[in-house]
Amino acid sequence: MTMFSEQGNYLLGAGIQLSTGEDTYIPNERRPQRPPVAMQAALDFVLEGHPSAKMRSLSSVYNCMGMVFASRRTTIQPEHLGMILNGDKYRRLTNDSEIKQGDILVYRDDNDKVCHLGIVWNVTTSLREESVQVCVLSQWGADGEYFHLADDVSPALGSPAEYWTDRT
């Protein structure tokens, strides 16, 4: 249920109306914005330890799932990822050569639990080295949104595990 203030604004903590393409409700919750000093400290920490990271924004209202599936408006818990991918008819990519801008990169921990996800921003293929370098846009918890190389994330966010697309 969406809750509104007397002025018609969403109340923090309340979810927004959000569903998959199959009309399955996606549980979500809006978080309060962290103070500017906390966001600056997060930015300094991220940039110090992750050379490929470039800040896009310093909002903390949404998480990585909310960035990808809710247009940066809310927080969605990673446990709902399977339901969303299924309900929106995503398919898992089986070959690196299929990865395109706009696809989703899922990160998992050592126990195969979903920890993080991002949107593929750019794919560079090296024919000489037969390798693919992927640049991702993702929200790092409540610490801001960053462009970064796929494998340049905090260990707390897991490791790149699989790519998904909604392309047919």
N, C-alpha and C. Protein backbone atom coordinates (compact mmCIF):
# COMPACT_ATOMS: atom_id res chain seq x y z
N MET A 1 0.84 -1.18 0.00
CA MET A 1 0.00 0.00 0.00
C MET A 1 0.88 1.24 0.00
N THR A 2 0.63 2.15 -0.88
CA THR A 2 1.36 3.40 -0.94
C THR A 2 0.74 4.38 0.04
N MET A 3 1.60 5.02 0.81
CA MET A 3 1.13 6.00 1.79
C MET A 3 1.56 7.39 1.34
N PHE A 4 0.66 8.35 1.49
CA PHE A 4 0.94 9.71 1.08
C PHE A 4 0.79 10.66 2.27
N SER A 5 1.56 11.74 2.25
CA SER A 5 1.40 12.79 3.25
C SER A 5 0.22 13.66 2.83
N GLU A 6 -0.12 14.62 3.67
CA GLU A 6 -1.22 15.54 3.33
C GLU A 6 -0.92 16.33 2.08
N GLN A 7 0.38 16.53 1.76
CA GLN A 7 0.78 17.28 0.57
C GLN A 7 0.81 16.40 -0.68
N GLY A 8 0.52 15.11 -0.53
CA GLY A 8 0.50 14.21 -1.68
C GLY A 8 1.83 13.58 -2.00
N ASN A 9 2.85 13.76 -1.15
CA ASN A 9 4.16 13.16 -1.38
C ASN A 9 4.20 11.75 -0.81
N TYR A 10 5.06 10.90 -1.42
CA TYR A 10 5.26 9.57 -0.86
C TYR A 10 5.85 9.72 0.53
N LEU A 11 5.44 8.90 1.47
CA LEU A 11 6.04 8.86 2.78
C LEU A 11 7.22 7.91 2.75
N LEU A 12 8.33 8.31 3.37
CA LEU A 12 9.48 7.43 3.44
C LEU A 12 9.10 6.18 4.20
N GLY A 13 9.64 5.05 3.78
CA GLY A 13 9.33 3.78 4.40
C GLY A 13 8.18 3.07 3.71
N ALA A 14 7.31 3.83 3.10
CA ALA A 14 6.18 3.24 2.39
C ALA A 14 6.65 2.79 1.01
N GLY A 15 6.07 1.73 0.50
CA GLY A 15 6.40 1.26 -0.83
C GLY A 15 5.64 2.04 -1.89
N ILE A 16 6.11 1.92 -3.12
CA ILE A 16 5.41 2.51 -4.25
C ILE A 16 4.71 1.40 -5.02
N GLN A 17 3.76 1.75 -5.85
CA GLN A 17 3.09 0.75 -6.69
C GLN A 17 4.11 0.28 -7.73
N LEU A 18 4.45 -0.99 -7.68
CA LEU A 18 5.48 -1.52 -8.55
C LEU A 18 5.16 -2.99 -8.81
N SER A 19 5.17 -3.37 -10.09
CA SER A 19 4.87 -4.77 -10.41
C SER A 19 5.66 -5.21 -11.64
N THR A 20 5.74 -6.51 -11.81
CA THR A 20 6.41 -7.07 -12.98
C THR A 20 5.49 -6.96 -14.19
N GLY A 21 5.99 -7.33 -15.34
CA GLY A 21 5.18 -7.34 -16.56
C GLY A 21 4.01 -8.30 -16.47
N GLU A 22 4.12 -9.30 -15.59
CA GLU A 22 3.02 -10.24 -15.37
C GLU A 22 2.10 -9.77 -14.24
N ASP A 23 2.27 -8.52 -13.81
CA ASP A 23 1.43 -7.87 -12.80
C ASP A 23 1.59 -8.47 -11.40
N THR A 24 2.77 -8.99 -11.09
CA THR A 24 3.07 -9.47 -9.74
C THR A 24 3.67 -8.30 -8.96
N TYR A 25 3.09 -8.02 -7.80
CA TYR A 25 3.57 -6.91 -6.96
C TYR A 25 5.02 -7.15 -6.56
N ILE A 26 5.84 -6.10 -6.63
CA ILE A 26 7.24 -6.15 -6.20
C ILE A 26 7.33 -5.41 -4.87
N PRO A 27 7.56 -6.13 -3.76
CA PRO A 27 7.70 -5.46 -2.46
C PRO A 27 8.86 -4.47 -2.51
N ASN A 28 8.68 -3.31 -1.90
CA ASN A 28 9.70 -2.28 -1.91
C ASN A 28 9.48 -1.31 -0.77
N GLU A 29 10.50 -0.51 -0.48
CA GLU A 29 10.43 0.45 0.61
C GLU A 29 11.34 1.63 0.30
N ARG A 30 10.84 2.83 0.53
CA ARG A 30 11.67 4.03 0.32
C ARG A 30 12.51 4.29 1.56
N ARG A 31 13.79 4.58 1.35
CA ARG A 31 14.71 4.89 2.44
C ARG A 31 14.88 6.40 2.55
N PRO A 32 15.21 6.89 3.74
CA PRO A 32 15.51 8.33 3.86
C PRO A 32 16.88 8.64 3.25
N GLN A 33 17.06 9.85 2.80
CA GLN A 33 18.35 10.30 2.28
C GLN A 33 19.31 10.47 3.44
N ARG A 34 20.53 9.95 3.30
CA ARG A 34 21.56 10.11 4.33
C ARG A 34 22.08 11.54 4.30
N PRO A 35 22.61 12.01 5.42
CA PRO A 35 23.16 13.38 5.48
C PRO A 35 24.31 13.56 4.49
N PRO A 36 24.48 14.79 3.97
CA PRO A 36 25.55 15.06 2.99
C PRO A 36 26.95 14.65 3.46
N VAL A 37 27.25 14.84 4.74
CA VAL A 37 28.57 14.47 5.24
C VAL A 37 28.78 12.95 5.15
N ALA A 38 27.76 12.16 5.39
CA ALA A 38 27.86 10.70 5.26
C ALA A 38 28.04 10.30 3.80
N MET A 39 27.35 10.97 2.91
CA MET A 39 27.47 10.65 1.49
C MET A 39 28.86 11.03 0.96
N GLN A 40 29.41 12.15 1.44
CA GLN A 40 30.77 12.55 1.04
C GLN A 40 31.79 11.53 1.54
N ALA A 41 31.61 11.06 2.76
CA ALA A 41 32.52 10.04 3.30
C ALA A 41 32.43 8.75 2.48
N ALA A 42 31.23 8.37 2.08
CA ALA A 42 31.06 7.18 1.24
C ALA A 42 31.76 7.36 -0.09
N LEU A 43 31.60 8.53 -0.70
CA LEU A 43 32.26 8.82 -1.97
C LEU A 43 33.77 8.71 -1.83
N ASP A 44 34.33 9.33 -0.80
CA ASP A 44 35.78 9.28 -0.59
C ASP A 44 36.26 7.84 -0.43
N PHE A 45 35.51 7.04 0.32
CA PHE A 45 35.87 5.64 0.57
C PHE A 45 35.85 4.83 -0.73
N VAL A 46 34.79 4.99 -1.50
CA VAL A 46 34.67 4.24 -2.75
C VAL A 46 35.78 4.62 -3.72
N LEU A 47 36.00 5.91 -3.92
CA LEU A 47 37.00 6.33 -4.90
C LEU A 47 38.42 5.96 -4.48
N GLU A 48 38.67 5.91 -3.19
CA GLU A 48 40.00 5.54 -2.70
C GLU A 48 40.33 4.07 -3.00
N GLY A 49 39.34 3.20 -2.89
CA GLY A 49 39.61 1.78 -3.03
C GLY A 49 39.25 1.17 -4.37
N HIS A 50 38.65 1.95 -5.25
CA HIS A 50 38.18 1.39 -6.53
C HIS A 50 38.56 2.33 -7.67
N PRO A 51 39.71 2.06 -8.28
CA PRO A 51 40.26 2.98 -9.29
C PRO A 51 39.38 3.20 -10.51
N SER A 52 38.54 2.24 -10.86
CA SER A 52 37.71 2.43 -12.05
C SER A 52 36.40 3.18 -11.75
N ALA A 53 36.07 3.36 -10.48
CA ALA A 53 34.78 3.95 -10.11
C ALA A 53 34.72 5.45 -10.41
N LYS A 54 33.62 5.85 -11.03
CA LYS A 54 33.32 7.26 -11.31
C LYS A 54 31.91 7.53 -10.80
N MET A 55 31.79 8.50 -9.89
CA MET A 55 30.50 8.79 -9.28
C MET A 55 29.50 9.35 -10.29
N ARG A 56 28.26 8.85 -10.25
CA ARG A 56 27.16 9.39 -11.05
C ARG A 56 26.24 10.23 -10.19
N SER A 57 25.87 9.71 -8.99
CA SER A 57 25.02 10.47 -8.07
C SER A 57 25.24 9.97 -6.66
N LEU A 58 24.85 10.76 -5.69
CA LEU A 58 25.03 10.39 -4.30
C LEU A 58 23.70 10.27 -3.57
N SER A 59 22.74 9.67 -4.17
CA SER A 59 21.47 9.42 -3.50
C SER A 59 21.56 8.13 -2.69
N SER A 60 20.81 8.08 -1.60
CA SER A 60 20.74 6.86 -0.80
C SER A 60 19.30 6.38 -0.63
N VAL A 61 18.37 6.95 -1.38
CA VAL A 61 16.95 6.61 -1.26
C VAL A 61 16.66 5.23 -1.83
N TYR A 62 17.43 4.79 -2.81
CA TYR A 62 17.20 3.51 -3.49
C TYR A 62 18.45 2.64 -3.39
N ASN A 63 18.31 1.37 -3.70
CA ASN A 63 19.46 0.46 -3.77
C ASN A 63 19.67 0.03 -5.23
N CYS A 64 20.56 -0.92 -5.44
CA CYS A 64 20.87 -1.35 -6.81
C CYS A 64 19.64 -1.92 -7.51
N MET A 65 18.82 -2.67 -6.80
CA MET A 65 17.60 -3.23 -7.39
C MET A 65 16.61 -2.12 -7.73
N GLY A 66 16.50 -1.12 -6.86
CA GLY A 66 15.61 0.00 -7.13
C GLY A 66 16.09 0.85 -8.29
N MET A 67 17.42 0.95 -8.45
CA MET A 67 17.96 1.69 -9.59
C MET A 67 17.56 1.00 -10.89
N VAL A 68 17.73 -0.32 -10.93
CA VAL A 68 17.50 -1.08 -12.16
C VAL A 68 16.01 -1.24 -12.47
N PHE A 69 15.22 -1.60 -11.48
CA PHE A 69 13.83 -1.99 -11.75
C PHE A 69 12.78 -0.95 -11.34
N ALA A 70 13.18 0.13 -10.68
CA ALA A 70 12.19 1.11 -10.20
C ALA A 70 12.60 2.55 -10.47
N SER A 71 13.44 2.76 -11.47
CA SER A 71 13.82 4.11 -11.88
C SER A 71 14.32 4.98 -10.73
N ARG A 72 15.12 4.37 -9.84
CA ARG A 72 15.77 5.10 -8.75
C ARG A 72 14.79 5.68 -7.73
N ARG A 73 13.66 5.03 -7.52
CA ARG A 73 12.65 5.58 -6.62
C ARG A 73 12.51 4.85 -5.31
N THR A 74 13.08 3.63 -5.17
CA THR A 74 12.79 2.83 -3.99
C THR A 74 13.83 1.74 -3.81
N THR A 75 13.74 1.02 -2.70
CA THR A 75 14.63 -0.09 -2.39
C THR A 75 13.87 -1.40 -2.56
N ILE A 76 14.47 -2.33 -3.28
CA ILE A 76 13.90 -3.66 -3.47
C ILE A 76 14.94 -4.66 -2.96
N GLN A 77 14.52 -5.59 -2.14
CA GLN A 77 15.45 -6.58 -1.59
C GLN A 77 15.88 -7.58 -2.67
N PRO A 78 17.16 -7.98 -2.66
CA PRO A 78 17.68 -8.93 -3.66
C PRO A 78 16.93 -10.26 -3.70
N GLU A 79 16.29 -10.64 -2.63
CA GLU A 79 15.55 -11.91 -2.62
C GLU A 79 14.42 -11.94 -3.64
N HIS A 80 14.02 -10.77 -4.15
CA HIS A 80 12.94 -10.70 -5.13
C HIS A 80 13.43 -10.74 -6.58
N LEU A 81 14.75 -10.85 -6.77
CA LEU A 81 15.30 -10.80 -8.12
C LEU A 81 14.75 -11.90 -9.03
N GLY A 82 14.72 -13.13 -8.57
CA GLY A 82 14.22 -14.23 -9.40
C GLY A 82 12.80 -14.00 -9.87
N MET A 83 11.94 -13.53 -8.97
CA MET A 83 10.55 -13.24 -9.32
C MET A 83 10.46 -12.14 -10.38
N ILE A 84 11.31 -11.13 -10.26
CA ILE A 84 11.30 -10.02 -11.22
C ILE A 84 11.81 -10.49 -12.58
N LEU A 85 12.95 -11.19 -12.60
CA LEU A 85 13.50 -11.67 -13.87
C LEU A 85 12.50 -12.57 -14.58
N ASN A 86 11.84 -13.44 -13.84
CA ASN A 86 10.84 -14.33 -14.42
C ASN A 86 9.61 -13.55 -14.88
N GLY A 87 9.12 -12.66 -14.03
CA GLY A 87 7.91 -11.90 -14.34
C GLY A 87 8.07 -10.92 -15.48
N ASP A 88 9.30 -10.47 -15.72
CA ASP A 88 9.57 -9.55 -16.82
C ASP A 88 10.21 -10.25 -18.02
N LYS A 89 10.25 -11.58 -17.97
CA LYS A 89 10.70 -12.43 -19.07
C LYS A 89 12.16 -12.17 -19.49
N TYR A 90 13.02 -11.98 -18.51
CA TYR A 90 14.45 -11.90 -18.80
C TYR A 90 14.96 -13.30 -19.10
N ARG A 91 16.05 -13.36 -19.84
CA ARG A 91 16.71 -14.64 -20.08
C ARG A 91 18.19 -14.50 -19.76
N ARG A 92 18.74 -15.57 -19.24
CA ARG A 92 20.15 -15.57 -18.85
C ARG A 92 21.01 -15.72 -20.10
N LEU A 93 22.06 -14.91 -20.18
CA LEU A 93 22.99 -15.00 -21.30
C LEU A 93 24.00 -16.10 -21.02
N THR A 94 24.33 -16.86 -22.04
CA THR A 94 25.23 -17.99 -21.86
C THR A 94 26.60 -17.77 -22.47
N ASN A 95 26.78 -16.66 -23.17
CA ASN A 95 28.03 -16.40 -23.86
C ASN A 95 28.37 -14.93 -23.71
N ASP A 96 29.62 -14.62 -23.37
CA ASP A 96 30.04 -13.23 -23.22
C ASP A 96 29.82 -12.40 -24.48
N SER A 97 29.84 -13.04 -25.63
CA SER A 97 29.66 -12.30 -26.88
C SER A 97 28.23 -11.75 -27.02
N GLU A 98 27.30 -12.24 -26.20
CA GLU A 98 25.91 -11.76 -26.23
C GLU A 98 25.69 -10.50 -25.40
N ILE A 99 26.62 -10.15 -24.53
CA ILE A 99 26.44 -9.04 -23.60
C ILE A 99 26.35 -7.73 -24.36
N LYS A 100 25.30 -6.95 -24.06
CA LYS A 100 25.08 -5.66 -24.72
C LYS A 100 24.75 -4.59 -23.66
N GLN A 101 24.90 -3.35 -24.06
CA GLN A 101 24.52 -2.24 -23.20
C GLN A 101 23.05 -2.40 -22.80
N GLY A 102 22.76 -2.21 -21.53
CA GLY A 102 21.40 -2.32 -21.02
C GLY A 102 21.10 -3.66 -20.37
N ASP A 103 21.95 -4.66 -20.59
CA ASP A 103 21.76 -5.94 -19.92
C ASP A 103 22.04 -5.77 -18.42
N ILE A 104 21.71 -6.78 -17.64
CA ILE A 104 21.88 -6.73 -16.19
C ILE A 104 22.96 -7.71 -15.77
N LEU A 105 23.86 -7.25 -14.92
CA LEU A 105 24.89 -8.10 -14.34
C LEU A 105 24.51 -8.38 -12.89
N VAL A 106 24.40 -9.66 -12.54
CA VAL A 106 24.07 -10.08 -11.18
C VAL A 106 25.36 -10.50 -10.48
N TYR A 107 25.53 -10.03 -9.25
CA TYR A 107 26.67 -10.38 -8.41
C TYR A 107 26.19 -11.33 -7.31
N ARG A 108 27.00 -12.34 -7.02
CA ARG A 108 26.66 -13.31 -5.97
C ARG A 108 27.83 -13.47 -5.01
N ASP A 109 27.51 -13.88 -3.78
CA ASP A 109 28.57 -14.14 -2.80
C ASP A 109 29.03 -15.59 -2.91
N ASP A 110 29.91 -16.00 -2.01
CA ASP A 110 30.47 -17.36 -2.04
C ASP A 110 29.42 -18.43 -1.79
N ASN A 111 28.27 -18.06 -1.22
CA ASN A 111 27.18 -18.99 -0.98
C ASN A 111 26.12 -18.94 -2.08
N ASP A 112 26.44 -18.29 -3.19
CA ASP A 112 25.56 -18.16 -4.35
C ASP A 112 24.34 -17.27 -4.08
N LYS A 113 24.41 -16.46 -3.06
CA LYS A 113 23.32 -15.53 -2.72
C LYS A 113 23.50 -14.23 -3.52
N VAL A 114 22.40 -13.72 -4.08
CA VAL A 114 22.45 -12.45 -4.81
C VAL A 114 22.79 -11.33 -3.84
N CYS A 115 23.81 -10.56 -4.18
CA CYS A 115 24.27 -9.46 -3.32
C CYS A 115 24.09 -8.09 -3.97
N HIS A 116 24.12 -8.07 -5.30
CA HIS A 116 24.23 -6.78 -6.00
C HIS A 116 23.86 -6.99 -7.46
N LEU A 117 23.49 -5.92 -8.14
CA LEU A 117 23.36 -5.96 -9.58
C LEU A 117 23.57 -4.58 -10.17
N GLY A 118 23.85 -4.56 -11.45
CA GLY A 118 24.08 -3.32 -12.15
C GLY A 118 23.64 -3.45 -13.60
N ILE A 119 23.66 -2.32 -14.28
CA ILE A 119 23.29 -2.26 -15.69
C ILE A 119 24.57 -2.16 -16.52
N VAL A 120 24.69 -2.99 -17.54
CA VAL A 120 25.84 -2.92 -18.43
C VAL A 120 25.79 -1.58 -19.15
N TRP A 121 26.87 -0.81 -19.02
CA TRP A 121 26.95 0.51 -19.62
C TRP A 121 27.73 0.46 -20.93
N ASN A 122 28.78 -0.35 -20.94
CA ASN A 122 29.65 -0.40 -22.11
C ASN A 122 30.35 -1.76 -22.15
N VAL A 123 30.53 -2.28 -23.35
CA VAL A 123 31.24 -3.55 -23.54
C VAL A 123 32.35 -3.31 -24.55
N THR A 124 33.57 -3.66 -24.16
CA THR A 124 34.72 -3.54 -25.04
C THR A 124 35.29 -4.93 -25.27
N THR A 125 35.43 -5.31 -26.53
CA THR A 125 35.95 -6.63 -26.87
C THR A 125 37.35 -6.47 -27.45
N SER A 126 38.28 -7.26 -26.93
CA SER A 126 39.64 -7.29 -27.43
C SER A 126 39.84 -8.57 -28.23
N LEU A 127 39.93 -8.44 -29.53
CA LEU A 127 40.12 -9.63 -30.38
C LEU A 127 41.48 -10.26 -30.15
N ARG A 128 42.48 -9.42 -29.91
CA ARG A 128 43.83 -9.92 -29.70
C ARG A 128 43.91 -10.80 -28.45
N GLU A 129 43.27 -10.34 -27.38
CA GLU A 129 43.31 -11.08 -26.11
C GLU A 129 42.10 -11.99 -25.94
N GLU A 130 41.19 -11.96 -26.88
CA GLU A 130 39.95 -12.73 -26.80
C GLU A 130 39.26 -12.53 -25.45
N SER A 131 39.11 -11.26 -25.07
CA SER A 131 38.48 -10.95 -23.79
C SER A 131 37.43 -9.86 -23.96
N VAL A 132 36.56 -9.79 -22.97
CA VAL A 132 35.50 -8.79 -22.94
C VAL A 132 35.66 -7.98 -21.66
N GLN A 133 35.68 -6.66 -21.79
CA GLN A 133 35.72 -5.80 -20.61
C GLN A 133 34.36 -5.10 -20.51
N VAL A 134 33.73 -5.22 -19.36
CA VAL A 134 32.39 -4.67 -19.16
C VAL A 134 32.45 -3.54 -18.15
N CYS A 135 31.86 -2.40 -18.51
CA CYS A 135 31.67 -1.27 -17.61
C CYS A 135 30.21 -1.29 -17.17
N VAL A 136 29.99 -1.12 -15.88
CA VAL A 136 28.66 -1.24 -15.28
C VAL A 136 28.28 0.07 -14.58
N LEU A 137 26.99 0.34 -14.53
CA LEU A 137 26.45 1.42 -13.71
C LEU A 137 25.66 0.74 -12.59
N SER A 138 26.02 1.03 -11.33
CA SER A 138 25.29 0.41 -10.22
C SER A 138 25.27 1.31 -9.00
N GLN A 139 24.29 1.08 -8.16
CA GLN A 139 24.13 1.76 -6.88
C GLN A 139 24.78 0.89 -5.82
N TRP A 140 25.73 1.44 -5.07
CA TRP A 140 26.47 0.68 -4.07
C TRP A 140 25.78 0.82 -2.72
N GLY A 141 24.77 0.01 -2.47
CA GLY A 141 24.02 0.09 -1.21
C GLY A 141 23.40 1.47 -1.07
N ALA A 142 23.73 2.14 0.02
CA ALA A 142 23.26 3.51 0.25
C ALA A 142 24.40 4.50 0.06
N ASP A 143 25.44 4.09 -0.68
CA ASP A 143 26.65 4.90 -0.81
C ASP A 143 26.80 5.60 -2.15
N GLY A 144 25.77 5.64 -2.94
CA GLY A 144 25.84 6.36 -4.20
C GLY A 144 25.91 5.43 -5.41
N GLU A 145 25.81 6.05 -6.56
CA GLU A 145 25.74 5.35 -7.84
C GLU A 145 27.05 5.60 -8.60
N TYR A 146 27.61 4.52 -9.17
CA TYR A 146 28.92 4.61 -9.80
C TYR A 146 28.97 3.86 -11.13
N PHE A 147 29.75 4.40 -12.06
CA PHE A 147 30.21 3.68 -13.23
C PHE A 147 31.49 2.98 -12.78
N HIS A 148 31.67 1.70 -13.16
CA HIS A 148 32.87 0.98 -12.73
C HIS A 148 33.05 -0.26 -13.61
N LEU A 149 34.26 -0.79 -13.61
CA LEU A 149 34.50 -2.07 -14.28
C LEU A 149 33.74 -3.15 -13.51
N ALA A 150 33.27 -4.15 -14.22
CA ALA A 150 32.41 -5.17 -13.63
C ALA A 150 33.02 -5.82 -12.40
N ASP A 151 34.32 -6.06 -12.40
CA ASP A 151 34.94 -6.75 -11.27
C ASP A 151 35.55 -5.80 -10.24
N ASP A 152 35.35 -4.51 -10.36
CA ASP A 152 35.90 -3.54 -9.42
C ASP A 152 34.80 -3.04 -8.47
N VAL A 153 34.40 -3.93 -7.56
CA VAL A 153 33.40 -3.58 -6.54
C VAL A 153 33.91 -4.03 -5.17
N SER A 154 33.30 -3.53 -4.13
CA SER A 154 33.61 -3.95 -2.78
C SER A 154 33.34 -5.45 -2.64
N PRO A 155 34.17 -6.17 -1.90
CA PRO A 155 33.90 -7.60 -1.68
C PRO A 155 32.51 -7.85 -1.06
N ALA A 156 31.99 -6.89 -0.33
CA ALA A 156 30.66 -7.02 0.27
C ALA A 156 29.56 -7.11 -0.79
N LEU A 157 29.85 -6.64 -2.01
CA LEU A 157 28.86 -6.68 -3.09
C LEU A 157 28.95 -7.96 -3.91
N GLY A 158 29.84 -8.86 -3.55
CA GLY A 158 29.94 -10.13 -4.26
C GLY A 158 30.82 -10.04 -5.49
N SER A 159 30.68 -11.03 -6.34
CA SER A 159 31.47 -11.13 -7.57
C SER A 159 30.54 -11.26 -8.77
N PRO A 160 30.98 -10.75 -9.93
CA PRO A 160 30.15 -10.91 -11.14
C PRO A 160 29.84 -12.38 -11.36
N ALA A 161 28.55 -12.70 -11.56
CA ALA A 161 28.16 -14.10 -11.67
C ALA A 161 27.43 -14.43 -12.95
N GLU A 162 26.52 -13.57 -13.39
CA GLU A 162 25.71 -13.90 -14.56
C GLU A 162 25.11 -12.64 -15.16
N TYR A 163 24.85 -12.69 -16.45
CA TYR A 163 24.22 -11.60 -17.19
C TYR A 163 22.83 -12.02 -17.63
N TRP A 164 21.91 -11.07 -17.59
CA TRP A 164 20.53 -11.29 -18.01
C TRP A 164 20.11 -10.19 -18.97
N THR A 165 19.19 -10.51 -19.87
CA THR A 165 18.69 -9.54 -20.83
C THR A 165 17.18 -9.69 -21.00
N ASP A 166 16.55 -8.60 -21.38
CA ASP A 166 15.12 -8.67 -21.72
C ASP A 166 14.94 -8.62 -23.23
N ARG A 167 16.08 -8.65 -23.97
CA ARG A 167 16.02 -8.70 -25.44
C ARG A 167 15.52 -10.05 -25.88
N THR A 168 14.76 -10.08 -26.98
CA THR A 168 14.29 -11.38 -27.50
C THR A 168 15.23 -11.91 -28.55
